Amino acid sequence: MIPYLGYIVSAFIVLLLFSAIRILREYERGVIFMLGRFWKVKGPGLIIVIPVIQQMVRVDLRTVVMDVPEQDVISRDNVSVRVNAVIYFRVVDPQKAIIQVENFYEATSQLAQTTLRSVLGQHELDDMLAAREQLNIDIQTILDAQTDAWGIKVSNVELKHVDLDERMIRAMARQAEAERTRRAKIIHAEGEMQAAEKLSAAAHILNEEPQALQLRYMHTLTEIAGDKNSTIVFPLPMDLVKPFLDKLKD
């Protein structure tokens, strides 16, 4: 009976030793608790955890890609949209990530959803569509500041989709069409103004130089005569024949 008892004890010791050996990968850390109290963070590589007395919690230090579920957001100009995003974060302090929050992944997800609604609700729809880069930075800054106490580093936030209902899409199309019409009218008005300025300047020059007006008149006659083979009657300005009349009188 004694020999069998020795085998049992030996097997128990060997099993205890094997259960005490843990291997942590390069991206893993082990948060060790001794009799319920935090002791230290170990890893990576081969570590020893004393069974019963010590307990280990594995923590992954790699960057986590988290999809934020689609959120209903009302913008500052009272437009209802549905927005989703993706967040990149990682654990930088395993001790805080395990001790300061119950489930750091779930906590970060919930915080991201509320922050997304809060930040986007302070902006107008045009900002959501045209200023996404700045919105990404604002959300990332707020999340990073709040998750710092959990040992979490939020490195990037990207808005993925901003979905509008059909009525809003049609309204935006009408708005864009009205904006194009407005710009066309402004360009046309500016062209008319420039043309009027040039005509006014030309009239001023012709008024000061009668010979220029005569030359312009003759040039116009030449152009018309070359276009059509028809008889055209033009009144003859007295300024053109006055020099000849003066010579006849002499």
C-alpha atoms as a PDB file:
ATOM      1  CA  MET A   1       0.000   0.000   0.000  1.00  0.00           C
ATOM      2  CA  ILE A   2       2.859   2.370   0.853  1.00  0.00           C
ATOM      3  CA  PRO A   3       4.498   2.042  -2.603  1.00  0.00           C
ATOM      4  CA  TYR A   4       1.180   2.910  -4.300  1.00  0.00           C
ATOM      5  CA  LEU A   5       0.823   5.915  -2.010  1.00  0.00           C
ATOM      6  CA  GLY A   6       4.288   7.080  -3.060  1.00  0.00           C
ATOM      7  CA  TYR A   7       3.331   6.823  -6.731  1.00  0.00           C
ATOM      8  CA  ILE A   8       0.188   8.828  -6.087  1.00  0.00           C
ATOM      9  CA  VAL A   9       2.111  11.555  -4.285  1.00  0.00           C
ATOM     10  CA  SER A  10       4.741  11.673  -7.019  1.00  0.00           C
ATOM     11  CA  ALA A  11       2.080  11.910  -9.718  1.00  0.00           C
ATOM     12  CA  PHE A  12       0.349  14.669  -7.779  1.00  0.00           C
ATOM     13  CA  ILE A  13       3.583  16.656  -7.486  1.00  0.00           C
ATOM     14  CA  VAL A  14       4.344  16.238 -11.184  1.00  0.00           C
ATOM     15  CA  LEU A  15       0.798  17.360 -12.064  1.00  0.00           C
ATOM     16  CA  LEU A  16       1.156  20.343  -9.741  1.00  0.00           C
ATOM     17  CA  LEU A  17       4.405  21.364 -11.393  1.00  0.00           C
ATOM     18  CA  PHE A  18       2.908  21.123 -14.887  1.00  0.00           C
ATOM     19  CA  SER A  19      -0.103  23.198 -13.831  1.00  0.00           C
ATOM     20  CA  ALA A  20       2.232  25.865 -12.443  1.00  0.00           C
ATOM     21  CA  ILE A  21       4.019  26.347 -15.755  1.00  0.00           C
ATOM     22  CA  ARG A  22       2.511  28.941 -18.105  1.00  0.00           C
ATOM     23  CA  ILE A  23       3.789  30.171 -21.447  1.00  0.00           C
ATOM     24  CA  LEU A  24       2.893  33.672 -22.605  1.00  0.00           C
ATOM     25  CA  ARG A  25       3.373  34.807 -26.213  1.00  0.00           C
ATOM     26  CA  GLU A  26       5.230  37.981 -27.097  1.00  0.00           C
ATOM     27  CA  TYR A  27       1.993  39.993 -27.307  1.00  0.00           C
ATOM     28  CA  GLU A  28       0.566  38.606 -24.042  1.00  0.00           C
ATOM     29  CA  ARG A  29       1.011  39.589 -20.428  1.00  0.00           C
ATOM     30  CA  GLY A  30      -0.157  37.828 -17.267  1.00  0.00           C
ATOM     31  CA  VAL A  31      -1.650  39.843 -14.412  1.00  0.00           C
ATOM     32  CA  ILE A  32      -0.835  37.808 -11.278  1.00  0.00           C
ATOM     33  CA  PHE A  33      -2.959  37.885  -8.127  1.00  0.00           C
ATOM     34  CA  MET A  34      -1.705  36.301  -4.900  1.00  0.00           C
ATOM     35  CA  LEU A  35      -4.473  35.346  -2.471  1.00  0.00           C
ATOM     36  CA  GLY A  36      -6.749  37.828  -4.211  1.00  0.00           C
ATOM     37  CA  ARG A  37      -4.355  40.776  -4.116  1.00  0.00           C
ATOM     38  CA  PHE A  38      -2.487  42.147  -7.130  1.00  0.00           C
ATOM     39  CA  TRP A  39       1.095  40.968  -7.122  1.00  0.00           C
ATOM     40  CA  LYS A  40       2.777  41.771 -10.452  1.00  0.00           C
ATOM     41  CA  VAL A  41       2.566  41.623 -14.248  1.00  0.00           C
ATOM     42  CA  LYS A  42       4.585  38.853 -15.870  1.00  0.00           C
ATOM     43  CA  GLY A  43       5.547  37.817 -19.376  1.00  0.00           C
ATOM     44  CA  PRO A  44       6.228  37.141 -22.084  1.00  0.00           C
ATOM     45  CA  GLY A  45       7.818  33.700 -22.073  1.00  0.00           C
ATOM     46  CA  LEU A  46       7.830  30.929 -19.449  1.00  0.00           C
ATOM     47  CA  ILE A  47       6.429  31.892 -16.039  1.00  0.00           C
ATOM     48  CA  ILE A  48       5.521  30.013 -12.883  1.00  0.00           C
ATOM     49  CA  VAL A  49       2.121  30.466 -11.217  1.00  0.00           C
ATOM     50  CA  ILE A  50       1.739  28.744  -7.863  1.00  0.00           C
ATOM     51  CA  PRO A  51      -1.534  26.815  -7.974  1.00  0.00           C
ATOM     52  CA  VAL A  52      -4.263  27.782  -5.475  1.00  0.00           C
ATOM     53  CA  ILE A  53      -2.170  30.631  -4.034  1.00  0.00           C
ATOM     54  CA  GLN A  54      -1.766  32.572  -7.272  1.00  0.00           C
ATOM     55  CA  GLN A  55      -4.145  33.246 -10.169  1.00  0.00           C
ATOM     56  CA  MET A  56      -3.285  34.670 -13.575  1.00  0.00           C
ATOM     57  CA  VAL A  57      -5.373  36.720 -16.029  1.00  0.00           C
ATOM     58  CA  ARG A  58      -4.096  36.865 -19.621  1.00  0.00           C
ATOM     59  CA  VAL A  59      -4.139  40.237 -21.382  1.00  0.00           C
ATOM     60  CA  ASP A  60      -3.639  40.698 -25.137  1.00  0.00           C
ATOM     61  CA  LEU A  61      -1.580  43.778 -26.027  1.00  0.00           C
ATOM     62  CA  ARG A  62      -2.297  43.765 -29.750  1.00  0.00           C
ATOM     63  CA  THR A  63      -4.351  46.507 -31.402  1.00  0.00           C
ATOM     64  CA  VAL A  64      -8.041  45.691 -31.387  1.00  0.00           C
ATOM     65  CA  VAL A  65     -10.287  46.700 -34.303  1.00  0.00           C
ATOM     66  CA  MET A  66     -13.778  47.369 -32.956  1.00  0.00           C
ATOM     67  CA  ASP A  67     -16.850  48.071 -35.051  1.00  0.00           C
ATOM     68  CA  VAL A  68     -19.141  50.570 -33.359  1.00  0.00           C
ATOM     69  CA  PRO A  69     -22.767  49.549 -34.026  1.00  0.00           C
ATOM     70  CA  GLU A  70     -24.889  51.884 -36.120  1.00  0.00           C
ATOM     71  CA  GLN A  71     -26.138  54.804 -34.050  1.00  0.00           C
ATOM     72  CA  ASP A  72     -29.138  57.094 -34.545  1.00  0.00           C
ATOM     73  CA  VAL A  73     -27.887  60.678 -34.345  1.00  0.00           C
ATOM     74  CA  ILE A  74     -29.787  63.968 -34.556  1.00  0.00           C
ATOM     75  CA  SER A  75     -27.501  66.692 -35.870  1.00  0.00           C
ATOM     76  CA  ARG A  76     -27.477  70.267 -34.645  1.00  0.00           C
ATOM     77  CA  ASP A  77     -29.657  71.309 -37.605  1.00  0.00           C
ATOM     78  CA  ASN A  78     -32.248  68.637 -36.621  1.00  0.00           C
ATOM     79  CA  VAL A  79     -31.429  66.056 -39.296  1.00  0.00           C
ATOM     80  CA  SER A  80     -31.761  62.397 -38.317  1.00  0.00           C
ATOM     81  CA  VAL A  81     -28.929  60.199 -39.605  1.00  0.00           C
ATOM     82  CA  ARG A  82     -27.522  56.745 -38.904  1.00  0.00           C
ATOM     83  CA  VAL A  83     -23.772  56.614 -38.350  1.00  0.00           C
ATOM     84  CA  ASN A  84     -21.317  53.809 -37.657  1.00  0.00           C
ATOM     85  CA  ALA A  85     -17.580  53.858 -37.088  1.00  0.00           C
ATOM     86  CA  VAL A  86     -14.516  51.709 -36.429  1.00  0.00           C
ATOM     87  CA  ILE A  87     -12.130  52.198 -33.492  1.00  0.00           C
ATOM     88  CA  TYR A  88      -8.521  51.051 -33.100  1.00  0.00           C
ATOM     89  CA  PHE A  89      -7.276  50.653 -29.536  1.00  0.00           C
ATOM     90  CA  ARG A  90      -4.892  48.537 -27.467  1.00  0.00           C
ATOM     91  CA  VAL A  91      -4.020  47.818 -23.846  1.00  0.00           C
ATOM     92  CA  VAL A  92      -0.940  49.710 -22.651  1.00  0.00           C
ATOM     93  CA  ASP A  93      -1.297  49.000 -18.919  1.00  0.00           C
ATOM     94  CA  PRO A  94      -2.506  45.430 -18.203  1.00  0.00           C
ATOM     95  CA  GLN A  95      -2.842  46.120 -14.466  1.00  0.00           C
ATOM     96  CA  LYS A  96      -5.322  48.969 -14.975  1.00  0.00           C
ATOM     97  CA  ALA A  97      -7.172  47.133 -17.737  1.00  0.00           C
ATOM     98  CA  ILE A  98      -7.969  44.252 -15.357  1.00  0.00           C
ATOM     99  CA  ILE A  99      -8.337  46.058 -12.023  1.00  0.00           C
ATOM    100  CA  GLN A 100      -9.930  49.406 -12.915  1.00  0.00           C
ATOM    101  CA  VAL A 101     -12.766  48.108 -15.113  1.00  0.00           C
ATOM    102  CA  GLU A 102     -14.710  44.849 -15.175  1.00  0.00           C
ATOM    103  CA  ASN A 103     -14.572  44.273 -18.939  1.00  0.00           C
ATOM    104  CA  PHE A 104     -12.404  46.794 -20.763  1.00  0.00           C
ATOM    105  CA  TYR A 105     -13.577  45.664 -24.215  1.00  0.00           C
ATOM    106  CA  GLU A 106     -17.274  46.093 -23.427  1.00  0.00           C
ATOM    107  CA  ALA A 107     -16.612  49.325 -21.530  1.00  0.00           C
ATOM    108  CA  THR A 108     -14.721  50.799 -24.482  1.00  0.00           C
ATOM    109  CA  SER A 109     -17.491  49.771 -26.881  1.00  0.00           C
ATOM    110  CA  GLN A 110     -20.219  51.417 -24.798  1.00  0.00           C
ATOM    111  CA  LEU A 111     -18.148  54.555 -24.302  1.00  0.00           C
ATOM    112  CA  ALA A 112     -17.482  54.769 -28.045  1.00  0.00           C
ATOM    113  CA  GLN A 113     -21.198  54.610 -28.825  1.00  0.00           C
ATOM    114  CA  THR A 114     -22.166  57.371 -26.396  1.00  0.00           C
ATOM    115  CA  THR A 115     -19.227  59.565 -27.457  1.00  0.00           C
ATOM    116  CA  LEU A 116     -20.122  59.113 -31.129  1.00  0.00           C
ATOM    117  CA  ARG A 117     -23.679  60.311 -30.530  1.00  0.00           C
ATOM    118  CA  SER A 118     -22.555  63.181 -28.290  1.00  0.00           C
ATOM    119  CA  VAL A 119     -19.904  64.579 -30.647  1.00  0.00           C
ATOM    120  CA  LEU A 120     -21.886  64.244 -33.873  1.00  0.00           C
ATOM    121  CA  GLY A 121     -24.960  65.755 -32.240  1.00  0.00           C
ATOM    122  CA  GLN A 122     -23.030  68.991 -31.796  1.00  0.00           C
ATOM    123  CA  HIS A 123     -22.350  69.361 -35.541  1.00  0.00           C
ATOM    124  CA  GLU A 124     -24.474  70.045 -38.574  1.00  0.00           C
ATOM    125  CA  LEU A 125     -25.045  67.546 -41.369  1.00  0.00           C
ATOM    126  CA  ASP A 126     -22.643  69.345 -43.713  1.00  0.00           C
ATOM    127  CA  ASP A 127     -19.846  68.858 -41.174  1.00  0.00           C
ATOM    128  CA  MET A 128     -20.550  65.116 -40.979  1.00  0.00           C
ATOM    129  CA  LEU A 129     -20.293  64.829 -44.742  1.00  0.00           C
ATOM    130  CA  ALA A 130     -17.432  67.234 -45.459  1.00  0.00           C
ATOM    131  CA  ALA A 131     -15.361  67.439 -42.254  1.00  0.00           C
ATOM    132  CA  ARG A 132     -14.983  63.779 -41.283  1.00  0.00           C
ATOM    133  CA  GLU A 133     -11.278  64.058 -40.595  1.00  0.00           C
ATOM    134  CA  GLN A 134     -11.816  66.656 -37.883  1.00  0.00           C
ATOM    135  CA  LEU A 135     -14.708  64.687 -36.385  1.00  0.00           C
ATOM    136  CA  ASN A 136     -12.508  61.579 -36.261  1.00  0.00           C
ATOM    137  CA  ILE A 137      -9.863  63.532 -34.359  1.00  0.00           C
ATOM    138  CA  ASP A 138     -12.415  64.967 -31.910  1.00  0.00           C
ATOM    139  CA  ILE A 139     -13.906  61.548 -31.107  1.00  0.00           C
ATOM    140  CA  GLN A 140     -10.464  59.916 -30.785  1.00  0.00           C
ATOM    141  CA  THR A 141      -9.249  62.645 -28.403  1.00  0.00           C
ATOM    142  CA  ILE A 142     -12.268  62.295 -26.109  1.00  0.00           C
ATOM    143  CA  LEU A 143     -12.127  58.485 -26.061  1.00  0.00           C
ATOM    144  CA  ASP A 144      -8.389  58.421 -25.430  1.00  0.00           C
ATOM    145  CA  ALA A 145      -8.717  60.807 -22.488  1.00  0.00           C
ATOM    146  CA  GLN A 146     -11.516  58.807 -20.861  1.00  0.00           C
ATOM    147  CA  THR A 147      -9.996  55.355 -21.376  1.00  0.00           C
ATOM    148  CA  ASP A 148      -6.583  56.382 -20.055  1.00  0.00           C
ATOM    149  CA  ALA A 149      -7.718  55.448 -16.514  1.00  0.00           C
ATOM    150  CA  TRP A 150      -8.389  51.903 -17.810  1.00  0.00           C
ATOM    151  CA  GLY A 151      -4.923  51.514 -19.342  1.00  0.00           C
ATOM    152  CA  ILE A 152      -6.380  51.761 -22.869  1.00  0.00           C
ATOM    153  CA  LYS A 153      -4.867  53.757 -25.736  1.00  0.00           C
ATOM    154  CA  VAL A 154      -7.292  54.736 -28.528  1.00  0.00           C
ATOM    155  CA  SER A 155      -5.058  55.311 -31.543  1.00  0.00           C
ATOM    156  CA  ASN A 156      -7.590  56.007 -34.288  1.00  0.00           C
ATOM    157  CA  VAL A 157     -11.291  56.493 -35.001  1.00  0.00           C
ATOM    158  CA  GLU A 158     -12.831  56.383 -38.472  1.00  0.00           C
ATOM    159  CA  LEU A 159     -16.415  57.218 -39.401  1.00  0.00           C
ATOM    160  CA  LYS A 160     -17.525  54.608 -41.933  1.00  0.00           C
ATOM    161  CA  HIS A 161     -21.015  55.519 -43.123  1.00  0.00           C
ATOM    162  CA  VAL A 162     -23.427  58.417 -42.696  1.00  0.00           C
ATOM    163  CA  ASP A 163     -26.782  57.159 -43.961  1.00  0.00           C
ATOM    164  CA  LEU A 164     -29.675  59.513 -44.797  1.00  0.00           C
ATOM    165  CA  ASP A 165     -33.297  58.701 -45.531  1.00  0.00           C
ATOM    166  CA  GLU A 166     -34.697  59.139 -49.033  1.00  0.00           C
ATOM    167  CA  ARG A 167     -36.448  62.424 -48.259  1.00  0.00           C
ATOM    168  CA  MET A 168     -33.241  64.011 -47.054  1.00  0.00           C
ATOM    169  CA  ILE A 169     -31.337  62.758 -50.119  1.00  0.00           C
ATOM    170  CA  ARG A 170     -33.956  64.345 -52.419  1.00  0.00           C
ATOM    171  CA  ALA A 171     -33.846  67.574 -50.417  1.00  0.00           C
ATOM    172  CA  MET A 172     -30.052  67.710 -50.701  1.00  0.00           C
ATOM    173  CA  ALA A 173     -30.304  67.104 -54.460  1.00  0.00           C
ATOM    174  CA  ARG A 174     -32.728  70.048 -54.773  1.00  0.00           C
ATOM    175  CA  GLN A 175     -30.429  72.183 -52.661  1.00  0.00           C
ATOM    176  CA  ALA A 176     -27.446  71.315 -54.860  1.00  0.00           C
ATOM    177  CA  GLU A 177     -29.449  72.140 -58.002  1.00  0.00           C
ATOM    178  CA  ALA A 178     -30.506  75.488 -56.534  1.00  0.00           C
ATOM    179  CA  GLU A 179     -26.888  76.242 -55.646  1.00  0.00           C
ATOM    180  CA  ARG A 180     -25.750  75.487 -59.209  1.00  0.00           C
ATOM    181  CA  THR A 181     -28.511  77.740 -60.592  1.00  0.00           C
ATOM    182  CA  ARG A 182     -27.503  80.536 -58.226  1.00  0.00           C
ATOM    183  CA  ARG A 183     -23.864  80.306 -59.282  1.00  0.00           C
ATOM    184  CA  ALA A 184     -24.834  80.333 -62.973  1.00  0.00           C
ATOM    185  CA  LYS A 185     -26.904  83.496 -62.480  1.00  0.00           C
ATOM    186  CA  ILE A 186     -24.076  85.183 -60.605  1.00  0.00           C
ATOM    187  CA  ILE A 187     -21.583  84.319 -63.368  1.00  0.00           C
ATOM    188  CA  HIS A 188     -24.018  85.609 -66.025  1.00  0.00           C
ATOM    189  CA  ALA A 189     -24.580  88.840 -64.083  1.00  0.00           C
ATOM    190  CA  GLU A 190     -20.846  89.356 -63.666  1.00  0.00           C
ATOM    191  CA  GLY A 191     -20.385  88.841 -67.403  1.00  0.00           C
ATOM    192  CA  GLU A 192     -23.099  91.418 -68.185  1.00  0.00           C
ATOM    193  CA  MET A 193     -21.477  93.874 -65.797  1.00  0.00           C
ATOM    194  CA  GLN A 194     -18.053  93.450 -67.397  1.00  0.00           C
ATOM    195  CA  ALA A 195     -19.552  93.831 -70.866  1.00  0.00           C
ATOM    196  CA  ALA A 196     -21.367  97.007 -69.808  1.00  0.00           C
ATOM    197  CA  GLU A 197     -18.136  98.435 -68.400  1.00  0.00           C
ATOM    198  CA  LYS A 198     -16.290  97.732 -71.643  1.00  0.00           C
ATOM    199  CA  LEU A 199     -19.081  99.260 -73.751  1.00  0.00           C
ATOM    200  CA  SER A 200     -19.140 102.319 -71.527  1.00  0.00           C
ATOM    201  CA  ALA A 201     -15.374 102.723 -71.923  1.00  0.00           C
ATOM    202  CA  ALA A 202     -15.664 102.308 -75.705  1.00  0.00           C
ATOM    203  CA  ALA A 203     -18.455 104.900 -75.894  1.00  0.00           C
ATOM    204  CA  HIS A 204     -16.338 107.341 -73.901  1.00  0.00           C
ATOM    205  CA  ILE A 205     -13.403 106.896 -76.286  1.00  0.00           C
ATOM    206  CA  LEU A 206     -15.615 107.283 -79.385  1.00  0.00           C
ATOM    207  CA  ASN A 207     -17.193 110.395 -77.912  1.00  0.00           C
ATOM    208  CA  GLU A 208     -13.801 112.004 -77.423  1.00  0.00           C
ATOM    209  CA  GLU A 209     -12.456 110.937 -80.857  1.00  0.00           C
ATOM    210  CA  PRO A 210     -14.970 111.523 -83.719  1.00  0.00           C
ATOM    211  CA  GLN A 211     -12.512 110.074 -86.227  1.00  0.00           C
ATOM    212  CA  ALA A 212     -12.591 106.795 -84.349  1.00  0.00           C
ATOM    213  CA  LEU A 213     -16.369 106.697 -84.697  1.00  0.00           C
ATOM    214  CA  GLN A 214     -16.091 107.303 -88.420  1.00  0.00           C
ATOM    215  CA  LEU A 215     -13.563 104.527 -88.805  1.00  0.00           C
ATOM    216  CA  ARG A 216     -15.771 102.159 -86.850  1.00  0.00           C
ATOM    217  CA  TYR A 217     -18.712 103.100 -89.073  1.00  0.00           C
ATOM    218  CA  MET A 218     -16.752 102.380 -92.222  1.00  0.00           C
ATOM    219  CA  HIS A 219     -15.492  99.093 -90.847  1.00  0.00           C
ATOM    220  CA  THR A 220     -19.070  98.031 -90.094  1.00  0.00           C
ATOM    221  CA  LEU A 221     -20.127  98.872 -93.656  1.00  0.00           C
ATOM    222  CA  THR A 222     -17.281  96.783 -95.009  1.00  0.00           C
ATOM    223  CA  GLU A 223     -18.267  93.772 -92.920  1.00  0.00           C
ATOM    224  CA  ILE A 224     -21.916  93.936 -93.926  1.00  0.00           C
ATOM    225  CA  ALA A 225     -21.120  94.417 -97.605  1.00  0.00           C
ATOM    226  CA  GLY A 226     -18.953  91.339 -97.619  1.00  0.00           C
ATOM    227  CA  ASP A 227     -21.553  89.080 -95.977  1.00  0.00           C
ATOM    228  CA  LYS A 228     -24.504  89.411 -98.383  1.00  0.00           C
ATOM    229  CA  ASN A 229     -25.012  90.377-102.001  1.00  0.00           C
ATOM    230  CA  SER A 230     -27.854  92.789-101.386  1.00  0.00           C
ATOM    231  CA  THR A 231     -28.429  96.491-101.431  1.00  0.00           C
ATOM    232  CA  ILE A 232     -28.157  98.116 -98.036  1.00  0.00           C
ATOM    233  CA  VAL A 233     -29.049 101.749 -97.481  1.00  0.00           C
ATOM    234  CA  PHE A 234     -27.243 103.489 -94.637  1.00  0.00           C
ATOM    235  CA  PRO A 235     -27.632 107.071 -93.530  1.00  0.00           C
ATOM    236  CA  LEU A 236     -24.432 108.924 -94.212  1.00  0.00           C
ATOM    237  CA  PRO A 237     -23.155 110.842 -91.178  1.00  0.00           C
ATOM    238  CA  MET A 238     -22.519 114.506 -91.908  1.00  0.00           C
ATOM    239  CA  ASP A 239     -19.181 114.236 -90.211  1.00  0.00           C
ATOM    240  CA  LEU A 240     -17.932 112.200 -93.142  1.00  0.00           C
ATOM    241  CA  VAL A 241     -18.970 114.624 -95.897  1.00  0.00           C
ATOM    242  CA  LYS A 242     -18.432 117.905 -94.062  1.00  0.00           C
ATOM    243  CA  PRO A 243     -14.745 118.132 -95.022  1.00  0.00           C
ATOM    244  CA  PHE A 244     -15.690 117.760 -98.734  1.00  0.00           C
ATOM    245  CA  LEU A 245     -18.430 120.366 -98.479  1.00  0.00           C
ATOM    246  CA  ASP A 246     -16.016 122.802 -96.882  1.00  0.00           C
ATOM    247  CA  LYS A 247     -13.592 122.384 -99.815  1.00  0.00           C
ATOM    248  CA  LEU A 248     -16.403 122.994-102.348  1.00  0.00           C
ATOM    249  CA  LYS A 249     -17.316 126.226-100.622  1.00  0.00           C
ATOM    250  CA  ASP A 250     -13.763 127.357-100.787  1.00  0.00           C
END
